[in-house]
Amino acid sequence: MKSLAQHPAIQAIALAARVLPGAAMPARTNAQTPPPEEGQVIAREAAIYDFPLVDNYRVLHACFVDRSSASSAEVLP
């Protein structure tokens, strides 16, 4: 069984959460490229901090939006 972090929908939401805010950022004015280690640190932190956020959305959806879910039967009348 795949872990939740490997689920395609979770990966897509996490990617959108990381990419879309950056789309509004202005381009760098200096031509320096960050080192690969900085990219690895950013990716690791994004995975660590995005997972709980996305998992929370999954739980909220199961409880309050998806009426066929067993979780919603426990919460909603």
Protein backbone atom coordinates (compact mmCIF):
# COMPACT_ATOMS: atom_id res chain seq x y z
CA MET A 1 0.00 0.00 0.00
CA LYS A 2 1.29 3.46 -0.89
CA SER A 3 1.88 5.96 1.86
CA LEU A 4 -0.29 9.05 1.75
CA ALA A 5 2.68 11.18 0.68
CA GLN A 6 2.99 9.04 -2.48
CA HIS A 7 -0.66 9.49 -3.48
CA PRO A 8 -0.86 11.39 -6.80
CA ALA A 9 -3.55 13.79 -5.60
CA ILE A 10 -1.54 14.70 -2.51
CA GLN A 11 1.55 15.27 -4.63
CA ALA A 12 -0.40 17.48 -7.06
CA ILE A 13 -1.83 19.62 -4.26
CA ALA A 14 1.56 19.96 -2.60
CA LEU A 15 3.16 20.93 -5.91
CA ALA A 16 0.47 23.54 -6.58
CA ALA A 17 0.92 24.97 -3.08
CA ARG A 18 4.62 25.38 -3.74
CA VAL A 19 4.46 26.58 -7.36
CA LEU A 20 1.49 28.93 -7.52
CA PRO A 21 2.66 31.42 -4.86
CA GLY A 22 5.98 31.63 -6.72
CA ALA A 23 4.25 32.55 -9.96
CA ALA A 24 3.40 35.97 -8.57
CA MET A 25 6.98 36.64 -7.49
CA PRO A 26 9.07 38.95 -9.69
CA ALA A 27 12.00 37.43 -11.53
CA ARG A 28 15.43 37.58 -9.93
CA THR A 29 17.38 40.64 -10.93
CA ASN A 30 20.80 39.10 -10.36
CA ALA A 31 21.90 36.20 -12.52
CA GLN A 32 23.19 34.01 -9.70
CA THR A 33 21.95 30.44 -9.64
CA PRO A 34 21.41 28.95 -6.19
CA PRO A 35 23.52 25.88 -5.38
CA PRO A 36 21.87 22.43 -5.67
CA GLU A 37 22.13 21.95 -1.90
CA GLU A 38 19.78 24.91 -1.39
CA GLY A 39 17.25 23.30 -3.71
CA GLN A 40 17.46 20.04 -1.79
CA VAL A 41 16.90 21.84 1.51
CA ILE A 42 13.90 23.71 0.08
CA ALA A 43 12.40 20.48 -1.31
CA ARG A 44 12.91 18.66 2.00
CA GLU A 45 11.30 21.47 3.99
CA ALA A 46 8.41 21.71 1.54
CA ALA A 47 7.72 17.99 1.92
CA ILE A 48 7.90 18.23 5.71
CA TYR A 49 5.62 21.25 6.04
CA ASP A 50 3.22 20.55 3.14
CA PHE A 51 2.29 17.02 4.19
CA PRO A 52 0.39 17.93 7.40
CA LEU A 53 -1.46 20.71 5.57
CA VAL A 54 -2.52 18.47 2.70
CA ASP A 55 -3.38 15.61 5.05
CA ASN A 56 -5.60 17.98 7.03
CA TYR A 57 -7.46 18.88 3.83
CA ARG A 58 -7.92 15.16 3.12
CA VAL A 59 -9.42 14.57 6.56
CA LEU A 60 -11.70 17.61 6.34
CA HIS A 61 -12.90 16.52 2.91
CA ALA A 62 -13.62 13.01 4.17
CA CYS A 63 -15.51 14.34 7.19
CA PHE A 64 -17.51 17.22 5.75
CA VAL A 65 -17.67 17.03 1.95
CA ASP A 66 -17.70 13.35 0.97
CA ARG A 67 -21.07 12.18 2.25
CA SER A 68 -20.32 8.57 1.29
CA SER A 69 -17.29 8.47 3.62
CA ALA A 70 -17.49 6.57 6.88
CA SER A 71 -15.98 9.60 8.62
CA SER A 72 -18.83 11.89 7.55
CA ALA A 73 -21.38 9.49 9.01
CA GLU A 74 -19.74 9.93 12.40
CA VAL A 75 -19.70 13.74 12.20
CA LEU A 76 -22.76 14.75 10.19
CA PRO A 77 -26.36 13.83 10.97
